[in-house]
Amino acid sequence: MSPSVPRPVASDHGGPDLAVNPGVWMTGWQPALAESLVERIARIGYRRIVAVLRDPWTYDTSGIRSLVGSHGLRLMTNTNQNAAEDISSDDAEVRDRGLARLRRGVQLSAELESDRLTGILYGVLGKAAGPASRAVFDRTAKILGDLAEEAAESGVGLLVEVVNRYETSLLNTAGQAMDFVAASGSDRLGVHLDVFHMNIEEDDMVAAVAEALPRLGYLELEQNHRGELSRGHIPLAEFVTGAIETGYRGRFGLEAFTVSALAPDHAAGLAVWRDVLDRDTRVAEDAHALLAAAYASVDPG
């Protein structure tokens, strides 16, 4: 485990370090919902909220950090690439714009006092026309490795999120992610795994956690349908216990999406076509209870 990839054992309050993506309830940051939402998240027992920088060029940080901090919470950040701003492109100008977009994300992360910026930082979300070449793989890794070194100067760690074959052809497994961070040339570039995607791509999800452990900075919990954790075929309690037993003591996260909570373009981008959450607060409560129970079962003390 490189000390440059942060993996805190617990929050400042002594419990598991658990973050939640507001996409459970809304697209982006909606000020009209924010006050009650932040209060609810803190009351359940979360320690962090993910600020999703869908458009980092127009994102306004004013008030967000103070609101979140006033409830004893902290922020982490998530961003992406698009067709015109993409560091994996063969077009040098598009690559440059993609890097500028990511640098803007690092700047916003520092302003929000986010200790890590995660997401599909390496390309465009969506089904690819074919497999990524080794040349693109290595070139993109090196760009992110250099950026990870820059970001560290602002106190921001970069994590690449591993997603399924329908969303990228570059990184689909923990093994590919470890190859990618090695190719980056930086000890500061970390890995983000998500159970929804692992359920599609990995032979053994706990073994995948063990493989990524030296660089694993975030582990996200979801059900196979991205809805209620208590309904679905992924044995999340067993998985979380296995991940902890294999040595992971870092940050966990919750993601869940339902069509009625999202803007149409956001829902379409994630292929969320129906409502899969019966009670929008229950999924957040369940994730917190599941993680607390898993920690207690592994270490009753």
C-alpha atoms as a PDB file:
ATOM      1  CA  MET A   1       0.000   0.000   0.000  1.00  0.00           C
ATOM      2  CA  SER A   2       1.526   3.300  -1.051  1.00  0.00           C
ATOM      3  CA  PRO A   3       1.126   5.977   1.614  1.00  0.00           C
ATOM      4  CA  SER A   4       0.345   8.377  -1.232  1.00  0.00           C
ATOM      5  CA  VAL A   5      -3.073   6.766  -1.835  1.00  0.00           C
ATOM      6  CA  PRO A   6      -5.228   7.757   1.190  1.00  0.00           C
ATOM      7  CA  ARG A   7      -7.326   5.042   2.820  1.00  0.00           C
ATOM      8  CA  PRO A   8      -8.524   6.167   6.245  1.00  0.00           C
ATOM      9  CA  VAL A   9      -9.615   3.435   8.625  1.00  0.00           C
ATOM     10  CA  ALA A  10     -12.451   5.439  10.131  1.00  0.00           C
ATOM     11  CA  SER A  11     -14.008   8.854  10.198  1.00  0.00           C
ATOM     12  CA  ASP A  12     -13.057  11.591  12.625  1.00  0.00           C
ATOM     13  CA  HIS A  13     -16.143  10.595  14.609  1.00  0.00           C
ATOM     14  CA  GLY A  14     -14.925   7.026  15.140  1.00  0.00           C
ATOM     15  CA  GLY A  15     -17.308   5.197  12.789  1.00  0.00           C
ATOM     16  CA  PRO A  16     -16.809   3.782   9.287  1.00  0.00           C
ATOM     17  CA  ASP A  17     -15.892   6.387   6.678  1.00  0.00           C
ATOM     18  CA  LEU A  18     -19.012   6.289   4.507  1.00  0.00           C
ATOM     19  CA  ALA A  19     -19.914   8.676   1.668  1.00  0.00           C
ATOM     20  CA  VAL A  20     -23.133   9.048  -0.316  1.00  0.00           C
ATOM     21  CA  ASN A  21     -23.748  10.261  -3.853  1.00  0.00           C
ATOM     22  CA  PRO A  22     -26.653  12.754  -3.921  1.00  0.00           C
ATOM     23  CA  GLY A  23     -27.874  11.013  -7.089  1.00  0.00           C
ATOM     24  CA  VAL A  24     -29.885   8.881  -4.660  1.00  0.00           C
ATOM     25  CA  TRP A  25     -32.119  11.926  -4.381  1.00  0.00           C
ATOM     26  CA  MET A  26     -31.335  14.430  -7.137  1.00  0.00           C
ATOM     27  CA  THR A  27     -29.238  15.366 -10.173  1.00  0.00           C
ATOM     28  CA  GLY A  28     -26.378  17.707  -9.360  1.00  0.00           C
ATOM     29  CA  TRP A  29     -26.659  20.120  -6.447  1.00  0.00           C
ATOM     30  CA  GLN A  30     -30.136  21.578  -6.060  1.00  0.00           C
ATOM     31  CA  PRO A  31     -30.078  24.390  -3.457  1.00  0.00           C
ATOM     32  CA  ALA A  32     -33.800  24.043  -2.705  1.00  0.00           C
ATOM     33  CA  LEU A  33     -33.220  20.463  -1.518  1.00  0.00           C
ATOM     34  CA  ALA A  34     -29.735  20.850  -0.104  1.00  0.00           C
ATOM     35  CA  GLU A  35     -30.404  22.002   3.471  1.00  0.00           C
ATOM     36  CA  SER A  36     -32.809  19.209   4.378  1.00  0.00           C
ATOM     37  CA  LEU A  37     -30.786  16.655   2.422  1.00  0.00           C
ATOM     38  CA  VAL A  38     -27.502  17.443   4.175  1.00  0.00           C
ATOM     39  CA  GLU A  39     -29.242  17.344   7.548  1.00  0.00           C
ATOM     40  CA  ARG A  40     -30.749  13.946   6.706  1.00  0.00           C
ATOM     41  CA  ILE A  41     -27.424  12.501   5.557  1.00  0.00           C
ATOM     42  CA  ALA A  42     -25.698  13.648   8.742  1.00  0.00           C
ATOM     43  CA  ARG A  43     -28.493  12.293  10.927  1.00  0.00           C
ATOM     44  CA  ILE A  44     -28.225   8.831   9.383  1.00  0.00           C
ATOM     45  CA  GLY A  45     -24.523   8.782  10.226  1.00  0.00           C
ATOM     46  CA  TYR A  46     -22.694   9.466   6.965  1.00  0.00           C
ATOM     47  CA  ARG A  47     -19.381  11.325   7.060  1.00  0.00           C
ATOM     48  CA  ARG A  48     -19.150  12.612   3.487  1.00  0.00           C
ATOM     49  CA  ILE A  49     -21.175  13.769   0.505  1.00  0.00           C
ATOM     50  CA  VAL A  50     -19.989  13.365  -3.082  1.00  0.00           C
ATOM     51  CA  ALA A  51     -20.058  16.631  -5.044  1.00  0.00           C
ATOM     52  CA  VAL A  52     -20.633  15.595  -8.667  1.00  0.00           C
ATOM     53  CA  LEU A  53     -18.926  18.069 -11.020  1.00  0.00           C
ATOM     54  CA  ARG A  54     -20.979  17.291 -14.118  1.00  0.00           C
ATOM     55  CA  ASP A  55     -20.104  20.697 -15.549  1.00  0.00           C
ATOM     56  CA  PRO A  56     -16.958  21.884 -13.763  1.00  0.00           C
ATOM     57  CA  TRP A  57     -16.819  25.052 -15.878  1.00  0.00           C
ATOM     58  CA  THR A  58     -20.004  26.447 -14.336  1.00  0.00           C
ATOM     59  CA  TYR A  59     -19.935  24.712 -10.947  1.00  0.00           C
ATOM     60  CA  ASP A  60     -20.374  27.165  -8.063  1.00  0.00           C
ATOM     61  CA  THR A  61     -18.731  26.148  -4.791  1.00  0.00           C
ATOM     62  CA  SER A  62     -20.082  29.081  -2.800  1.00  0.00           C
ATOM     63  CA  GLY A  63     -22.097  27.976   0.187  1.00  0.00           C
ATOM     64  CA  ILE A  64     -21.718  24.240  -0.434  1.00  0.00           C
ATOM     65  CA  ARG A  65     -18.652  23.680   1.722  1.00  0.00           C
ATOM     66  CA  SER A  66     -20.018  25.764   4.600  1.00  0.00           C
ATOM     67  CA  LEU A  67     -23.421  24.048   4.491  1.00  0.00           C
ATOM     68  CA  VAL A  68     -21.878  20.580   4.496  1.00  0.00           C
ATOM     69  CA  GLY A  69     -19.369  21.550   7.180  1.00  0.00           C
ATOM     70  CA  SER A  70     -22.052  23.035   9.402  1.00  0.00           C
ATOM     71  CA  HIS A  71     -23.487  19.533   9.772  1.00  0.00           C
ATOM     72  CA  GLY A  72     -20.121  17.945  10.554  1.00  0.00           C
ATOM     73  CA  LEU A  73     -19.747  16.463   7.061  1.00  0.00           C
ATOM     74  CA  ARG A  74     -16.985  16.651   4.466  1.00  0.00           C
ATOM     75  CA  LEU A  75     -16.962  16.521   0.682  1.00  0.00           C
ATOM     76  CA  MET A  76     -15.338  14.343  -1.922  1.00  0.00           C
ATOM     77  CA  THR A  77     -15.674  15.006  -5.658  1.00  0.00           C
ATOM     78  CA  ASN A  78     -16.476  13.191  -8.882  1.00  0.00           C
ATOM     79  CA  THR A  79     -16.076  14.303 -12.496  1.00  0.00           C
ATOM     80  CA  ASN A  80     -15.914  12.965 -16.045  1.00  0.00           C
ATOM     81  CA  GLN A  81     -14.913  13.555 -19.662  1.00  0.00           C
ATOM     82  CA  ASN A  82     -16.999  14.194 -22.786  1.00  0.00           C
ATOM     83  CA  ALA A  83     -16.580  13.963 -26.556  1.00  0.00           C
ATOM     84  CA  ALA A  84     -15.020  17.425 -26.824  1.00  0.00           C
ATOM     85  CA  GLU A  85     -12.864  17.123 -23.681  1.00  0.00           C
ATOM     86  CA  ASP A  86     -11.291  13.671 -23.548  1.00  0.00           C
ATOM     87  CA  ILE A  87      -7.746  12.726 -22.553  1.00  0.00           C
ATOM     88  CA  SER A  88      -8.096   9.349 -24.295  1.00  0.00           C
ATOM     89  CA  SER A  89      -8.775  10.925 -27.710  1.00  0.00           C
ATOM     90  CA  ASP A  90      -6.407  10.513 -30.669  1.00  0.00           C
ATOM     91  CA  ASP A  91      -6.878  14.245 -31.308  1.00  0.00           C
ATOM     92  CA  ALA A  92      -4.268  16.255 -29.375  1.00  0.00           C
ATOM     93  CA  GLU A  93      -6.542  19.297 -29.034  1.00  0.00           C
ATOM     94  CA  VAL A  94      -9.351  17.180 -27.583  1.00  0.00           C
ATOM     95  CA  ARG A  95      -6.846  15.627 -25.176  1.00  0.00           C
ATOM     96  CA  ASP A  96      -5.680  19.082 -24.108  1.00  0.00           C
ATOM     97  CA  ARG A  97      -9.262  20.176 -23.446  1.00  0.00           C
ATOM     98  CA  GLY A  98      -9.854  16.981 -21.474  1.00  0.00           C
ATOM     99  CA  LEU A  99      -6.824  17.686 -19.320  1.00  0.00           C
ATOM    100  CA  ALA A 100      -8.001  21.272 -18.763  1.00  0.00           C
ATOM    101  CA  ARG A 101     -11.371  19.903 -17.649  1.00  0.00           C
ATOM    102  CA  LEU A 102      -9.693  17.591 -15.140  1.00  0.00           C
ATOM    103  CA  ARG A 103      -7.460  20.382 -13.859  1.00  0.00           C
ATOM    104  CA  ARG A 104     -10.582  22.444 -13.290  1.00  0.00           C
ATOM    105  CA  GLY A 105     -11.997  19.509 -11.325  1.00  0.00           C
ATOM    106  CA  VAL A 106      -8.871  19.445  -9.164  1.00  0.00           C
ATOM    107  CA  GLN A 107      -9.201  23.195  -8.566  1.00  0.00           C
ATOM    108  CA  LEU A 108     -12.830  22.834  -7.482  1.00  0.00           C
ATOM    109  CA  SER A 109     -11.926  19.859  -5.296  1.00  0.00           C
ATOM    110  CA  ALA A 110      -9.340  21.944  -3.474  1.00  0.00           C
ATOM    111  CA  GLU A 111     -11.866  24.761  -3.004  1.00  0.00           C
ATOM    112  CA  LEU A 112     -14.347  22.275  -1.548  1.00  0.00           C
ATOM    113  CA  GLU A 113     -11.634  20.707   0.644  1.00  0.00           C
ATOM    114  CA  SER A 114     -12.242  17.354  -1.038  1.00  0.00           C
ATOM    115  CA  ASP A 115      -9.376  14.957  -0.351  1.00  0.00           C
ATOM    116  CA  ARG A 116     -10.013  12.930  -3.499  1.00  0.00           C
ATOM    117  CA  LEU A 117     -11.447  13.326  -6.987  1.00  0.00           C
ATOM    118  CA  THR A 118     -12.854  10.193  -8.572  1.00  0.00           C
ATOM    119  CA  GLY A 119     -14.865   9.069 -11.583  1.00  0.00           C
ATOM    120  CA  ILE A 120     -14.309   7.971 -15.161  1.00  0.00           C
ATOM    121  CA  LEU A 121     -11.400  10.362 -15.514  1.00  0.00           C
ATOM    122  CA  TYR A 122      -9.878   8.479 -18.435  1.00  0.00           C
ATOM    123  CA  GLY A 123     -12.514   8.707 -21.179  1.00  0.00           C
ATOM    124  CA  VAL A 124     -16.108   9.178 -22.263  1.00  0.00           C
ATOM    125  CA  LEU A 125     -18.926   7.248 -20.590  1.00  0.00           C
ATOM    126  CA  GLY A 126     -20.743   5.105 -23.142  1.00  0.00           C
ATOM    127  CA  LYS A 127     -20.409   1.991 -25.246  1.00  0.00           C
ATOM    128  CA  ALA A 128     -17.154   2.068 -27.200  1.00  0.00           C
ATOM    129  CA  ALA A 129     -16.784   1.159 -30.870  1.00  0.00           C
ATOM    130  CA  GLY A 130     -14.034  -1.330 -30.054  1.00  0.00           C
ATOM    131  CA  PRO A 131     -11.309  -2.264 -27.587  1.00  0.00           C
ATOM    132  CA  ALA A 132      -8.857   0.375 -26.441  1.00  0.00           C
ATOM    133  CA  SER A 133      -5.382  -0.053 -27.914  1.00  0.00           C
ATOM    134  CA  ARG A 134      -2.378  -0.503 -25.667  1.00  0.00           C
ATOM    135  CA  ALA A 135      -1.006   2.786 -26.991  1.00  0.00           C
ATOM    136  CA  VAL A 136      -4.160   4.663 -25.861  1.00  0.00           C
ATOM    137  CA  PHE A 137      -4.108   2.797 -22.537  1.00  0.00           C
ATOM    138  CA  ASP A 138      -0.495   3.774 -21.806  1.00  0.00           C
ATOM    139  CA  ARG A 139      -0.816   7.351 -23.056  1.00  0.00           C
ATOM    140  CA  THR A 140      -3.952   8.001 -21.007  1.00  0.00           C
ATOM    141  CA  ALA A 141      -2.408   6.422 -17.917  1.00  0.00           C
ATOM    142  CA  LYS A 142       0.652   8.666 -18.214  1.00  0.00           C
ATOM    143  CA  ILE A 143      -1.541  11.800 -18.527  1.00  0.00           C
ATOM    144  CA  LEU A 144      -3.407  10.880 -15.349  1.00  0.00           C
ATOM    145  CA  GLY A 145      -0.212   9.921 -13.550  1.00  0.00           C
ATOM    146  CA  ASP A 146       1.263  13.346 -14.225  1.00  0.00           C
ATOM    147  CA  LEU A 147      -1.993  15.008 -13.157  1.00  0.00           C
ATOM    148  CA  ALA A 148      -2.071  12.926  -9.941  1.00  0.00           C
ATOM    149  CA  GLU A 149       1.328  14.363  -9.037  1.00  0.00           C
ATOM    150  CA  GLU A 150       0.041  17.897  -9.701  1.00  0.00           C
ATOM    151  CA  ALA A 151      -3.180  17.313  -7.751  1.00  0.00           C
ATOM    152  CA  ALA A 152      -1.288  16.039  -4.725  1.00  0.00           C
ATOM    153  CA  GLU A 153       0.211  19.504  -4.318  1.00  0.00           C
ATOM    154  CA  SER A 154      -3.352  20.757  -3.669  1.00  0.00           C
ATOM    155  CA  GLY A 155      -4.090  17.896  -1.264  1.00  0.00           C
ATOM    156  CA  VAL A 156      -6.316  16.096  -3.774  1.00  0.00           C
ATOM    157  CA  GLY A 157      -5.905  12.392  -4.588  1.00  0.00           C
ATOM    158  CA  LEU A 158      -7.085  11.064  -7.966  1.00  0.00           C
ATOM    159  CA  LEU A 159      -8.966   7.757  -8.241  1.00  0.00           C
ATOM    160  CA  VAL A 160      -9.951   6.037 -11.491  1.00  0.00           C
ATOM    161  CA  GLU A 161     -13.346   4.350 -11.335  1.00  0.00           C
ATOM    162  CA  VAL A 162     -13.595   0.902 -12.907  1.00  0.00           C
ATOM    163  CA  VAL A 163     -16.873   0.449 -14.828  1.00  0.00           C
ATOM    164  CA  ASN A 164     -18.449  -2.253 -16.953  1.00  0.00           C
ATOM    165  CA  ARG A 165     -17.977  -3.058 -20.651  1.00  0.00           C
ATOM    166  CA  TYR A 166     -21.109  -1.145 -21.679  1.00  0.00           C
ATOM    167  CA  GLU A 167     -19.667   2.106 -20.298  1.00  0.00           C
ATOM    168  CA  THR A 168     -16.017   1.913 -21.389  1.00  0.00           C
ATOM    169  CA  SER A 169     -13.563  -0.373 -23.124  1.00  0.00           C
ATOM    170  CA  LEU A 170     -10.568   0.913 -21.169  1.00  0.00           C
ATOM    171  CA  LEU A 171     -10.975  -0.275 -17.554  1.00  0.00           C
ATOM    172  CA  ASN A 172     -13.432  -3.050 -16.686  1.00  0.00           C
ATOM    173  CA  THR A 173     -11.642  -5.054 -13.981  1.00  0.00           C
ATOM    174  CA  ALA A 174      -9.524  -4.530 -10.897  1.00  0.00           C
ATOM    175  CA  GLY A 175      -6.638  -6.214 -12.687  1.00  0.00           C
ATOM    176  CA  GLN A 176      -6.818  -3.739 -15.574  1.00  0.00           C
ATOM    177  CA  ALA A 177      -6.973  -0.862 -13.108  1.00  0.00           C
ATOM    178  CA  MET A 178      -3.827  -2.042 -11.350  1.00  0.00           C
ATOM    179  CA  ASP A 179      -2.067  -2.322 -14.724  1.00  0.00           C
ATOM    180  CA  PHE A 180      -3.275   1.206 -15.536  1.00  0.00           C
ATOM    181  CA  VAL A 181      -1.995   2.826 -12.340  1.00  0.00           C
ATOM    182  CA  ALA A 182       1.327   1.028 -12.781  1.00  0.00           C
ATOM    183  CA  ALA A 183       1.550   2.386 -16.344  1.00  0.00           C
ATOM    184  CA  SER A 184       0.815   5.890 -15.016  1.00  0.00           C
ATOM    185  CA  GLY A 185       4.221   6.100 -13.387  1.00  0.00           C
ATOM    186  CA  SER A 186       2.696   7.680 -10.276  1.00  0.00           C
ATOM    187  CA  ASP A 187       2.265   6.202  -6.806  1.00  0.00           C
ATOM    188  CA  ARG A 188      -0.429   8.809  -6.195  1.00  0.00           C
ATOM    189  CA  LEU A 189      -3.023   7.518  -8.674  1.00  0.00           C
ATOM    190  CA  GLY A 190      -5.581   5.306  -6.939  1.00  0.00           C
ATOM    191  CA  VAL A 191      -8.458   2.960  -7.800  1.00  0.00           C
ATOM    192  CA  HIS A 192     -12.217   3.193  -7.207  1.00  0.00           C
ATOM    193  CA  LEU A 193     -14.237  -0.043  -7.369  1.00  0.00           C
ATOM    194  CA  ASP A 194     -18.047  -0.213  -7.586  1.00  0.00           C
ATOM    195  CA  VAL A 195     -20.034  -3.360  -6.790  1.00  0.00           C
ATOM    196  CA  PHE A 196     -22.583  -2.715  -9.563  1.00  0.00           C
ATOM    197  CA  HIS A 197     -19.838  -2.928 -12.190  1.00  0.00           C
ATOM    198  CA  MET A 198     -17.861  -5.663 -10.400  1.00  0.00           C
ATOM    199  CA  ASN A 199     -20.978  -7.837 -10.419  1.00  0.00           C
ATOM    200  CA  ILE A 200     -20.830  -7.794 -14.235  1.00  0.00           C
ATOM    201  CA  GLU A 201     -17.089  -8.126 -14.794  1.00  0.00           C
ATOM    202  CA  GLU A 202     -15.339  -9.906 -11.915  1.00  0.00           C
ATOM    203  CA  ASP A 203     -15.121 -13.662 -11.304  1.00  0.00           C
ATOM    204  CA  ASP A 204     -14.821 -13.078  -7.551  1.00  0.00           C
ATOM    205  CA  MET A 205     -15.579  -9.630  -6.146  1.00  0.00           C
ATOM    206  CA  VAL A 206     -13.751 -10.108  -2.848  1.00  0.00           C
ATOM    207  CA  ALA A 207     -10.697 -11.368  -4.732  1.00  0.00           C
ATOM    208  CA  ALA A 208     -10.904  -8.236  -6.897  1.00  0.00           C
ATOM    209  CA  VAL A 209     -10.806  -6.079  -3.760  1.00  0.00           C
ATOM    210  CA  ALA A 210      -7.732  -7.992  -2.595  1.00  0.00           C
ATOM    211  CA  GLU A 211      -6.063  -7.469  -5.983  1.00  0.00           C
ATOM    212  CA  ALA A 212      -6.687  -3.718  -5.947  1.00  0.00           C
ATOM    213  CA  LEU A 213      -5.951  -3.303  -2.235  1.00  0.00           C
ATOM    214  CA  PRO A 214      -2.541  -1.600  -2.638  1.00  0.00           C
ATOM    215  CA  ARG A 215      -4.221   1.285  -4.544  1.00  0.00           C
ATOM    216  CA  LEU A 216      -7.864   1.003  -3.483  1.00  0.00           C
ATOM    217  CA  GLY A 217      -9.149   4.354  -2.218  1.00  0.00           C
ATOM    218  CA  TYR A 218     -12.928   3.989  -2.546  1.00  0.00           C
ATOM    219  CA  LEU A 219     -15.336   1.047  -2.592  1.00  0.00           C
ATOM    220  CA  GLU A 220     -18.911   1.787  -3.649  1.00  0.00           C
ATOM    221  CA  LEU A 221     -21.928  -0.309  -2.672  1.00  0.00           C
ATOM    222  CA  GLU A 222     -24.905  -0.889  -4.980  1.00  0.00           C
ATOM    223  CA  GLN A 223     -27.373  -3.630  -5.796  1.00  0.00           C
ATOM    224  CA  ASN A 224     -27.524  -5.260  -9.221  1.00  0.00           C
ATOM    225  CA  HIS A 225     -30.439  -2.974 -10.225  1.00  0.00           C
ATOM    226  CA  ARG A 226     -28.941   0.127  -8.519  1.00  0.00           C
ATOM    227  CA  GLY A 227     -31.966   0.389  -6.221  1.00  0.00           C
ATOM    228  CA  GLU A 228     -32.839  -0.885  -2.747  1.00  0.00           C
ATOM    229  CA  LEU A 229     -29.927  -2.752  -1.180  1.00  0.00           C
ATOM    230  CA  SER A 230     -32.234  -5.242   0.538  1.00  0.00           C
ATOM    231  CA  ARG A 231     -33.646  -6.458  -2.793  1.00  0.00           C
ATOM    232  CA  GLY A 232     -31.391  -8.029  -5.416  1.00  0.00           C
ATOM    233  CA  HIS A 233     -29.030 -10.912  -6.004  1.00  0.00           C
ATOM    234  CA  ILE A 234     -25.744  -9.390  -4.780  1.00  0.00           C
ATOM    235  CA  PRO A 235     -25.001 -10.666  -1.224  1.00  0.00           C
ATOM    236  CA  LEU A 236     -23.808  -7.274  -0.011  1.00  0.00           C
ATOM    237  CA  ALA A 237     -23.410  -8.170   3.663  1.00  0.00           C
ATOM    238  CA  GLU A 238     -21.155 -11.105   2.781  1.00  0.00           C
ATOM    239  CA  PHE A 239     -19.237  -9.006   0.284  1.00  0.00           C
ATOM    240  CA  VAL A 240     -18.569  -6.155   2.728  1.00  0.00           C
ATOM    241  CA  THR A 241     -17.487  -8.583   5.438  1.00  0.00           C
ATOM    242  CA  GLY A 242     -15.194 -10.304   2.950  1.00  0.00           C
ATOM    243  CA  ALA A 243     -13.698  -6.996   1.819  1.00  0.00           C
ATOM    244  CA  ILE A 244     -12.941  -6.011   5.414  1.00  0.00           C
ATOM    245  CA  GLU A 245     -11.511  -9.431   6.211  1.00  0.00           C
ATOM    246  CA  THR A 246      -9.242  -9.234   3.179  1.00  0.00           C
ATOM    247  CA  GLY A 247      -7.723  -6.083   4.622  1.00  0.00           C
ATOM    248  CA  TYR A 248      -9.735  -3.157   3.272  1.00  0.00           C
ATOM    249  CA  ARG A 249     -10.258  -0.461   5.890  1.00  0.00           C
ATOM    250  CA  GLY A 250     -10.797   2.483   3.565  1.00  0.00           C
ATOM    251  CA  ARG A 251     -13.736   4.597   2.507  1.00  0.00           C
ATOM    252  CA  PHE A 252     -17.006   3.049   1.402  1.00  0.00           C
ATOM    253  CA  GLY A 253     -19.686   4.802  -0.625  1.00  0.00           C
ATOM    254  CA  LEU A 254     -23.335   4.424  -1.567  1.00  0.00           C
ATOM    255  CA  GLU A 255     -24.743   4.934  -5.050  1.00  0.00           C
ATOM    256  CA  ALA A 256     -28.329   4.263  -6.035  1.00  0.00           C
ATOM    257  CA  PHE A 257     -30.374   5.750  -8.855  1.00  0.00           C
ATOM    258  CA  THR A 258     -34.046   5.884  -9.725  1.00  0.00           C
ATOM    259  CA  VAL A 259     -35.573   7.620 -12.728  1.00  0.00           C
ATOM    260  CA  SER A 260     -37.944   9.944 -10.867  1.00  0.00           C
ATOM    261  CA  ALA A 261     -35.063  11.535  -8.904  1.00  0.00           C
ATOM    262  CA  LEU A 262     -32.883  12.348 -11.904  1.00  0.00           C
ATOM    263  CA  ALA A 263     -32.849  14.924 -14.676  1.00  0.00           C
ATOM    264  CA  PRO A 264     -33.710  13.262 -18.024  1.00  0.00           C
ATOM    265  CA  ASP A 265     -30.176  13.606 -19.438  1.00  0.00           C
ATOM    266  CA  HIS A 266     -28.652  12.197 -16.269  1.00  0.00           C
ATOM    267  CA  ALA A 267     -31.039   9.228 -16.249  1.00  0.00           C
ATOM    268  CA  ALA A 268     -30.361   8.563 -19.941  1.00  0.00           C
ATOM    269  CA  GLY A 269     -26.599   8.719 -19.450  1.00  0.00           C
ATOM    270  CA  LEU A 270     -26.818   6.102 -16.707  1.00  0.00           C
ATOM    271  CA  ALA A 271     -29.478   4.025 -18.529  1.00  0.00           C
ATOM    272  CA  VAL A 272     -31.855   4.414 -15.572  1.00  0.00           C
ATOM    273  CA  TRP A 273     -35.271   3.822 -17.121  1.00  0.00           C
ATOM    274  CA  ARG A 274     -37.495   2.951 -14.152  1.00  0.00           C
ATOM    275  CA  ASP A 275     -38.035   3.533 -10.454  1.00  0.00           C
ATOM    276  CA  VAL A 276     -36.180   0.988  -8.342  1.00  0.00           C
ATOM    277  CA  LEU A 277     -36.283   2.780  -4.965  1.00  0.00           C
ATOM    278  CA  ASP A 278     -39.421   2.247  -2.912  1.00  0.00           C
ATOM    279  CA  ARG A 279     -38.333   4.655  -0.160  1.00  0.00           C
ATOM    280  CA  ASP A 280     -35.594   7.085  -1.054  1.00  0.00           C
ATOM    281  CA  THR A 281     -34.232   7.373   2.492  1.00  0.00           C
ATOM    282  CA  ARG A 282     -34.297   3.670   3.274  1.00  0.00           C
ATOM    283  CA  VAL A 283     -31.485   2.816   0.889  1.00  0.00           C
ATOM    284  CA  ALA A 284     -29.174   5.293   2.641  1.00  0.00           C
ATOM    285  CA  GLU A 285     -30.143   3.972   6.065  1.00  0.00           C
ATOM    286  CA  ASP A 286     -29.665   0.380   4.927  1.00  0.00           C
ATOM    287  CA  ALA A 287     -26.161   1.042   3.575  1.00  0.00           C
ATOM    288  CA  HIS A 288     -25.071   2.653   6.831  1.00  0.00           C
ATOM    289  CA  ALA A 289     -26.535  -0.193   8.921  1.00  0.00           C
ATOM    290  CA  LEU A 290     -25.000  -2.831   6.639  1.00  0.00           C
ATOM    291  CA  LEU A 291     -21.522  -1.361   6.929  1.00  0.00           C
ATOM    292  CA  ALA A 292     -21.731  -0.888  10.697  1.00  0.00           C
ATOM    293  CA  ALA A 293     -22.878  -4.500  11.125  1.00  0.00           C
ATOM    294  CA  ALA A 294     -20.057  -5.779   8.916  1.00  0.00           C
ATOM    295  CA  TYR A 295     -17.425  -3.906  10.936  1.00  0.00           C
ATOM    296  CA  ALA A 296     -18.939  -5.201  14.164  1.00  0.00           C
ATOM    297  CA  SER A 297     -18.931  -8.805  12.918  1.00  0.00           C
ATOM    298  CA  VAL A 298     -15.262  -8.659  11.908  1.00  0.00           C
ATOM    299  CA  ASP A 299     -14.128  -6.785  15.022  1.00  0.00           C
ATOM    300  CA  PRO A 300     -16.709  -6.840  17.842  1.00  0.00           C
ATOM    301  CA  GLY A 301     -14.433  -4.572  19.883  1.00  0.00           C
END
